[in-house]
Amino acid sequence: MKEMLEQIRVRALDALDAAQDSNELEALRVQLLGKKGELTAVLKQMGGLSAEERPVMGQLANNVRADIEKKLEARKVELKAKALEEKLKAEAIDITIPGDPVSLGHKHPMNKALDEAKEIFIGMGFQILEGPEVELAEYNFTKLNTEEGHPARDRSDTFYITDDDSVLLRTQTSPMQIRAMEAIKNPPIRVLAPGRVYRKDEVDATHSPMFHQIEGLVIDKGITMADLKGTLVTLVKSLYGEDAVTRFRPHHFPFTEPSCEVDVQCFKCHGAGCPTCKGEGWIELLGAGMVHPKVLENCGIDPEVYSGFAFGIGLERMAMRRFRISDLRLIFENDVRFLEQF
């Protein structure tokens, strides 16, 4: 029996050394140490030994089992390390292979137009302000000389938030005129206030219920309509080039007197008439005028000493003219094919 145990020890250690993977190792464990394994079969024969031989053979069998288990664990660690090394080699990154190109974003065309406008006005000494989109009717209408009953305050045109129509989504950036005059108090005042505004407009090529405006306000001694026109012509030519054509039309706004609307010649048809300009040859860009004396009084500024002008520019229309976009809806649709052009 002693010879049999020694033979099992030698064969087992050699077989374990030759094992190539964990599956082969597990098969050897069952073959050698399992219930029907070689070592177990030998131990079953110990019943035929004498009382003197039995403890000696038992000790030898335990030593053989210990040697096999020790070798089994050591080989298991070696094979695991080998498998990990082979996996790392197989999955190694080749740094010489070019990487996948990363697509970088860029500014939206409307934000580009806004940034350009800001730079132009900052160069003319304007300060940039921001204001609330949820506004009080007092600021959106009343202090701008738009009294109760005016068509602009009708529910068919305005998104009111409260039942008493005292709070609304601002319909224009003009409330920033009031907020600027109340905050700064002492002229001279030169401010530019861009932001979102809301009206119940039907969506078409040049209208949207949510759009953006840029409000401008200048208050000082001796300000005239000539200052207003010079400022706006400078803006248009800086944005669209020296050949840009503008048109000033008389208009009426409750908060300016006199008032005007400023159009830019349609970039698509150059004045001939097309769907973009609705056959008129011109695209309305902004409304403007001299600040009404009543508005100055509402803000505690003496209209006998100071005068000023104000304007509200449609940012989307400015971007359309700047980048030759034929349909305002493209600006809001987030179609990557459209946005990548800019």
Protein backbone atom coordinates (compact mmCIF):
# COMPACT_ATOMS: atom_id res chain seq x y z
CA MET A 1 0.00 0.00 0.00
CA LYS A 2 2.90 2.31 0.75
CA GLU A 3 4.12 1.96 -2.83
CA MET A 4 0.64 2.64 -4.17
CA LEU A 5 0.37 5.85 -2.14
CA GLU A 6 3.79 7.04 -3.32
CA GLN A 7 2.84 6.29 -6.93
CA ILE A 8 -0.38 8.28 -6.55
CA ARG A 9 1.61 11.20 -5.09
CA VAL A 10 4.10 11.26 -7.99
CA ARG A 11 1.48 10.84 -10.74
CA ALA A 12 -0.78 13.46 -9.16
CA LEU A 13 1.94 16.12 -8.84
CA ASP A 14 3.08 15.53 -12.43
CA ALA A 15 -0.49 15.68 -13.75
CA LEU A 16 -1.19 18.88 -11.83
CA ASP A 17 1.96 20.48 -13.27
CA ALA A 18 0.81 19.57 -16.77
CA ALA A 19 -2.74 20.95 -16.35
CA GLN A 20 -3.42 23.81 -18.82
CA ASP A 21 -6.61 25.37 -17.50
CA SER A 22 -9.02 25.44 -14.58
CA ASN A 23 -11.36 22.88 -16.16
CA GLU A 24 -8.53 20.32 -16.47
CA LEU A 25 -7.47 21.10 -12.90
CA GLU A 26 -10.97 20.45 -11.56
CA ALA A 27 -11.14 17.14 -13.42
CA LEU A 28 -7.86 16.06 -11.77
CA ARG A 29 -9.16 17.04 -8.32
CA VAL A 30 -12.20 14.79 -8.76
CA GLN A 31 -10.06 11.98 -10.18
CA LEU A 32 -7.60 12.07 -7.30
CA LEU A 33 -9.56 13.23 -4.24
CA GLY A 34 -13.21 12.62 -5.10
CA LYS A 35 -15.44 9.95 -3.50
CA LYS A 36 -14.47 7.61 -6.29
CA GLY A 37 -10.95 8.96 -6.65
CA GLU A 38 -7.68 7.00 -6.59
CA LEU A 39 -6.69 8.05 -3.07
CA THR A 40 -10.11 7.18 -1.68
CA ALA A 41 -9.95 3.76 -3.34
CA VAL A 42 -6.61 3.05 -1.65
CA LEU A 43 -7.87 4.19 1.77
CA LYS A 44 -10.77 1.73 1.52
CA GLN A 45 -8.21 -1.08 1.61
CA MET A 46 -6.90 -0.04 5.04
CA GLY A 47 -9.41 -2.35 6.71
CA GLY A 48 -7.23 -5.31 5.73
CA LEU A 49 -4.14 -3.96 7.48
CA SER A 50 -2.90 -4.99 10.89
CA ALA A 51 -3.39 -2.74 13.92
CA GLU A 52 0.31 -1.75 13.78
CA GLU A 53 0.28 -0.86 10.06
CA ARG A 54 -2.99 1.05 10.08
CA PRO A 55 -1.79 4.31 11.80
CA VAL A 56 1.38 4.38 9.75
CA MET A 57 -0.51 4.07 6.44
CA GLY A 58 -3.14 6.56 7.66
CA GLN A 59 -0.44 9.16 8.36
CA LEU A 60 1.14 8.53 4.96
CA ALA A 61 -2.25 8.84 3.21
CA ASN A 62 -2.91 12.16 4.98
CA ASN A 63 0.51 13.44 3.87
CA VAL A 64 -0.19 12.42 0.26
CA ARG A 65 -3.59 14.17 0.39
CA ALA A 66 -2.01 17.34 1.88
CA ASP A 67 0.69 17.39 -0.82
CA ILE A 68 -1.91 17.01 -3.58
CA GLU A 69 -4.20 19.75 -2.12
CA LYS A 70 -1.23 22.11 -1.68
CA LYS A 71 -0.12 21.55 -5.26
CA LEU A 72 -3.72 21.91 -6.45
CA GLU A 73 -4.11 25.36 -4.82
CA ALA A 74 -0.72 26.55 -6.04
CA ARG A 75 -1.48 25.44 -9.59
CA LYS A 76 -4.90 27.11 -9.41
CA VAL A 77 -3.25 30.46 -8.59
CA GLU A 78 -0.73 30.03 -11.41
CA LEU A 79 -3.38 29.22 -14.00
CA LYS A 80 -5.55 32.18 -12.88
CA ALA A 81 -2.61 34.55 -13.26
CA LYS A 82 -1.79 33.04 -16.64
CA ALA A 83 -5.39 33.45 -17.86
CA LEU A 84 -5.42 37.10 -16.73
CA GLU A 85 -2.15 37.80 -18.53
CA GLU A 86 -3.45 36.24 -21.74
CA LYS A 87 -6.67 38.25 -21.46
CA LEU A 88 -4.73 41.50 -20.98
CA LYS A 89 -2.61 40.73 -24.02
CA ALA A 90 -5.68 39.95 -26.11
CA GLU A 91 -7.47 43.13 -25.03
CA ALA A 92 -4.48 45.46 -25.12
CA ILE A 93 -5.06 48.92 -26.63
CA ASP A 94 -2.94 49.77 -29.61
CA ILE A 95 -2.10 53.43 -29.08
CA THR A 96 -0.91 53.70 -32.68
CA ILE A 97 -4.48 53.25 -33.98
CA PRO A 98 -6.23 56.61 -34.62
CA GLY A 99 -9.05 57.29 -32.14
CA ASP A 100 -12.67 57.90 -33.04
CA PRO A 101 -13.29 61.55 -33.92
CA VAL A 102 -15.17 63.50 -31.22
CA SER A 103 -17.98 65.71 -32.47
CA LEU A 104 -17.79 69.12 -30.79
CA GLY A 105 -20.78 71.40 -30.38
CA HIS A 106 -20.88 75.10 -31.17
CA LYS A 107 -23.01 78.14 -30.53
CA HIS A 108 -26.56 78.23 -31.85
CA PRO A 109 -26.94 80.73 -34.72
CA MET A 110 -29.33 82.81 -32.61
CA ASN A 111 -26.78 83.05 -29.79
CA LYS A 112 -24.13 84.01 -32.31
CA ALA A 113 -26.30 86.87 -33.54
CA LEU A 114 -26.99 87.93 -29.94
CA ASP A 115 -23.30 87.92 -29.04
CA GLU A 116 -22.50 90.02 -32.10
CA ALA A 117 -25.22 92.51 -31.17
CA LYS A 118 -23.96 92.71 -27.60
CA GLU A 119 -20.44 93.47 -28.79
CA ILE A 120 -21.72 96.24 -31.04
CA PHE A 121 -23.75 97.89 -28.26
CA ILE A 122 -21.05 97.43 -25.62
CA GLY A 123 -18.77 99.26 -28.03
CA MET A 124 -21.30 102.12 -27.98
CA GLY A 125 -21.27 102.27 -24.18
CA PHE A 126 -24.32 100.14 -23.37
CA GLN A 127 -24.65 98.05 -20.20
CA ILE A 128 -26.17 94.52 -20.46
CA LEU A 129 -29.11 93.77 -18.13
CA GLU A 130 -31.40 90.79 -17.55
CA GLY A 131 -34.94 90.72 -16.18
CA PRO A 132 -37.78 88.34 -15.22
CA GLU A 133 -39.82 86.48 -17.82
CA VAL A 134 -42.76 86.20 -15.41
CA GLU A 135 -43.70 89.86 -15.12
CA LEU A 136 -46.18 92.15 -13.40
CA ALA A 137 -48.83 93.73 -15.61
CA GLU A 138 -47.87 97.02 -13.95
CA TYR A 139 -44.43 96.83 -15.55
CA ASN A 140 -45.45 95.11 -18.77
CA PHE A 141 -48.29 97.53 -19.49
CA THR A 142 -49.34 100.21 -16.99
CA LYS A 143 -46.02 101.96 -16.38
CA LEU A 144 -45.40 101.78 -20.13
CA ASN A 145 -48.46 103.95 -20.71
CA THR A 146 -50.64 101.00 -21.80
CA GLU A 147 -53.80 101.41 -19.75
CA GLU A 148 -56.62 98.94 -19.02
CA GLY A 149 -58.73 98.22 -22.09
CA HIS A 150 -55.83 98.50 -24.55
CA PRO A 151 -55.95 95.69 -27.18
CA ALA A 152 -52.42 94.56 -26.22
CA ARG A 153 -53.73 93.56 -22.79
CA ASP A 154 -56.41 91.29 -24.20
CA ARG A 155 -56.35 87.63 -23.12
CA SER A 156 -56.34 86.58 -26.77
CA ASP A 157 -52.85 88.06 -27.11
CA THR A 158 -51.29 87.48 -23.68
CA PHE A 159 -50.46 84.50 -21.44
CA TYR A 160 -51.81 85.54 -18.04
CA ILE A 161 -50.82 83.51 -14.97
CA THR A 162 -53.25 84.89 -12.39
CA ASP A 163 -57.04 85.21 -12.64
CA ASP A 164 -56.90 88.95 -11.99
CA ASP A 165 -54.47 89.44 -14.93
CA SER A 166 -51.87 91.01 -12.63
CA VAL A 167 -49.10 88.49 -13.44
CA LEU A 168 -48.20 87.29 -16.93
CA LEU A 169 -45.51 85.95 -19.20
CA ARG A 170 -44.00 89.16 -20.51
CA THR A 171 -45.10 90.03 -24.01
CA GLN A 172 -42.05 92.21 -24.67
CA THR A 173 -38.71 93.15 -23.15
CA SER A 174 -39.98 96.74 -22.72
CA PRO A 175 -40.61 96.28 -18.95
CA MET A 176 -36.84 96.39 -18.66
CA GLN A 177 -37.07 100.09 -19.56
CA ILE A 178 -38.97 100.68 -16.31
CA ARG A 179 -36.76 98.37 -14.25
CA ALA A 180 -33.60 100.01 -15.61
CA MET A 181 -34.82 103.55 -14.89
CA GLU A 182 -35.95 102.57 -11.39
CA ALA A 183 -32.67 100.81 -10.65
CA ILE A 184 -30.24 103.35 -12.12
CA LYS A 185 -32.40 106.41 -11.31
CA ASN A 186 -29.97 109.12 -12.46
CA PRO A 187 -29.29 109.47 -16.22
CA PRO A 188 -27.33 109.02 -18.38
CA ILE A 189 -28.72 105.53 -18.94
CA ARG A 190 -27.59 103.20 -21.74
CA VAL A 191 -28.80 99.63 -21.31
CA LEU A 192 -29.42 96.56 -23.46
CA ALA A 193 -31.71 93.82 -22.14
CA PRO A 194 -32.06 90.58 -24.16
CA GLY A 195 -34.52 87.82 -23.21
CA ARG A 196 -37.45 85.55 -24.02
CA VAL A 197 -40.96 86.91 -24.53
CA TYR A 198 -44.35 85.26 -25.08
CA ARG A 199 -47.40 86.06 -27.20
CA LYS A 200 -50.32 84.05 -28.53
CA ASP A 201 -49.05 84.05 -32.11
CA GLU A 202 -49.66 81.28 -34.62
CA VAL A 203 -46.50 79.50 -35.73
CA ASP A 204 -45.39 80.34 -39.26
CA ALA A 205 -42.19 81.24 -41.14
CA THR A 206 -41.75 84.50 -39.20
CA HIS A 207 -43.84 84.06 -35.99
CA SER A 208 -43.74 81.94 -32.83
CA PRO A 209 -45.59 82.06 -29.46
CA MET A 210 -42.17 82.13 -27.77
CA PHE A 211 -39.40 84.27 -29.20
CA HIS A 212 -36.57 86.56 -28.15
CA GLN A 213 -36.16 90.31 -28.11
CA ILE A 214 -33.35 92.73 -27.34
CA GLU A 215 -34.53 95.85 -25.53
CA GLY A 216 -32.44 99.01 -25.80
CA LEU A 217 -32.83 102.20 -23.79
CA VAL A 218 -30.93 105.48 -23.82
CA ILE A 219 -31.84 108.38 -21.50
CA ASP A 220 -29.80 111.59 -21.37
CA LYS A 221 -30.01 115.30 -22.01
CA GLY A 222 -30.54 116.30 -25.64
CA ILE A 223 -31.30 112.85 -27.09
CA THR A 224 -33.17 113.08 -30.42
CA MET A 225 -34.63 110.87 -33.12
CA ALA A 226 -31.40 111.35 -35.07
CA ASP A 227 -29.51 109.53 -32.27
CA LEU A 228 -31.98 106.66 -32.48
CA LYS A 229 -31.68 106.33 -36.24
CA GLY A 230 -27.88 106.57 -36.18
CA THR A 231 -27.67 103.86 -33.51
CA LEU A 232 -29.93 101.44 -35.39
CA VAL A 233 -28.31 102.01 -38.79
CA THR A 234 -24.93 101.35 -37.15
CA LEU A 235 -26.27 98.09 -35.75
CA VAL A 236 -27.76 96.89 -39.05
CA LYS A 237 -24.69 97.70 -41.12
CA SER A 238 -22.36 96.16 -38.52
CA LEU A 239 -24.37 92.94 -38.57
CA TYR A 240 -25.31 92.63 -42.23
CA GLY A 241 -22.71 94.65 -44.09
CA GLU A 242 -22.50 98.16 -45.50
CA ASP A 243 -24.86 97.25 -48.34
CA ALA A 244 -27.73 96.37 -45.95
CA VAL A 245 -30.86 98.40 -46.69
CA THR A 246 -33.14 99.65 -43.91
CA ARG A 247 -36.53 101.32 -43.93
CA PHE A 248 -38.04 103.44 -41.13
CA ARG A 249 -41.86 103.54 -41.05
CA PRO A 250 -44.09 105.67 -38.81
CA HIS A 251 -45.90 103.58 -36.22
CA HIS A 252 -47.58 103.85 -32.81
CA PHE A 253 -46.45 102.41 -29.47
CA PRO A 254 -48.00 103.64 -26.21
CA PHE A 255 -44.60 104.01 -24.56
CA THR A 256 -42.81 105.98 -27.32
CA GLU A 257 -43.70 109.20 -29.15
CA PRO A 258 -42.91 109.55 -32.00
CA SER A 259 -42.62 105.84 -32.84
CA CYS A 260 -41.36 103.88 -35.83
CA GLU A 261 -40.82 100.39 -37.11
CA VAL A 262 -37.56 99.42 -38.80
CA ASP A 263 -37.47 96.92 -41.65
CA VAL A 264 -34.53 95.25 -43.34
CA GLN A 265 -34.70 94.38 -47.01
CA CYS A 266 -35.41 90.66 -47.48
CA PHE A 267 -32.13 88.78 -47.90
CA LYS A 268 -33.77 86.08 -50.01
CA CYS A 269 -35.51 88.13 -52.70
CA HIS A 270 -33.71 91.49 -52.21
CA GLY A 271 -36.97 93.40 -52.20
CA ALA A 272 -38.74 91.56 -55.04
CA GLY A 273 -41.16 89.69 -52.76
CA CYS A 274 -41.14 86.02 -51.68
CA PRO A 275 -42.79 83.67 -49.11
CA THR A 276 -40.18 84.55 -46.48
CA CYS A 277 -41.14 88.24 -46.52
CA LYS A 278 -44.78 87.47 -47.46
CA GLY A 279 -44.35 89.19 -50.79
CA GLU A 280 -43.44 92.56 -49.24
CA GLY A 281 -39.71 92.57 -49.98
CA TRP A 282 -39.01 93.66 -46.40
CA ILE A 283 -38.73 91.87 -43.04
CA GLU A 284 -39.74 93.73 -39.89
CA LEU A 285 -36.78 93.82 -37.54
CA LEU A 286 -37.73 96.05 -34.63
CA GLY A 287 -39.96 98.72 -33.17
CA ALA A 288 -38.53 101.92 -31.73
CA GLY A 289 -39.21 105.52 -30.82
CA MET A 290 -38.56 108.36 -28.42
CA VAL A 291 -39.47 107.47 -24.81
CA HIS A 292 -42.89 108.89 -23.99
CA PRO A 293 -42.74 111.73 -21.41
CA LYS A 294 -45.36 109.89 -19.33
CA VAL A 295 -43.08 106.85 -19.07
CA LEU A 296 -40.25 109.08 -17.84
CA GLU A 297 -42.57 110.61 -15.26
CA ASN A 298 -43.70 107.14 -14.11
CA CYS A 299 -40.06 106.42 -13.28
CA GLY A 300 -39.36 109.73 -11.56
CA ILE A 301 -37.35 111.29 -14.41
CA ASP A 302 -38.13 114.87 -15.43
CA PRO A 303 -39.13 114.88 -19.17
CA GLU A 304 -38.40 118.63 -19.30
CA VAL A 305 -34.73 117.93 -18.59
CA TYR A 306 -34.16 114.47 -20.08
CA SER A 307 -35.22 112.67 -23.24
CA GLY A 308 -34.39 109.27 -24.66
CA PHE A 309 -35.09 106.54 -27.15
CA ALA A 310 -35.98 102.88 -26.85
CA PHE A 311 -36.13 99.94 -29.25
CA GLY A 312 -37.05 96.25 -29.21
CA ILE A 313 -35.33 93.97 -31.71
CA GLY A 314 -36.66 90.56 -32.74
CA LEU A 315 -33.59 88.37 -32.18
CA GLU A 316 -34.82 85.49 -34.35
CA ARG A 317 -35.45 87.82 -37.28
CA MET A 318 -32.05 89.38 -36.76
CA ALA A 319 -30.47 85.91 -36.89
CA MET A 320 -32.52 85.03 -39.98
CA ARG A 321 -31.18 88.06 -41.82
CA ARG A 322 -27.66 87.54 -40.47
CA PHE A 323 -27.40 83.88 -41.51
CA ARG A 324 -29.88 83.92 -44.41
CA ILE A 325 -32.35 81.56 -42.72
CA SER A 326 -35.62 81.45 -44.63
CA ASP A 327 -37.92 79.98 -41.94
CA LEU A 328 -38.01 80.95 -38.24
CA ARG A 329 -39.21 77.45 -37.29
CA LEU A 330 -35.82 76.00 -38.22
CA ILE A 331 -34.28 77.90 -35.30
CA PHE A 332 -36.38 75.98 -32.74
CA GLU A 333 -36.57 72.52 -34.32
CA ASN A 334 -33.06 71.43 -33.23
CA ASP A 335 -32.41 69.58 -36.48
CA VAL A 336 -28.69 68.75 -36.39
CA ARG A 337 -28.50 68.94 -40.18
CA PHE A 338 -29.58 72.58 -39.96
CA LEU A 339 -27.49 73.53 -36.92
CA GLU A 340 -24.27 72.03 -38.30
CA GLN A 341 -24.29 74.61 -41.09
CA PHE A 342 -23.30 77.28 -38.58
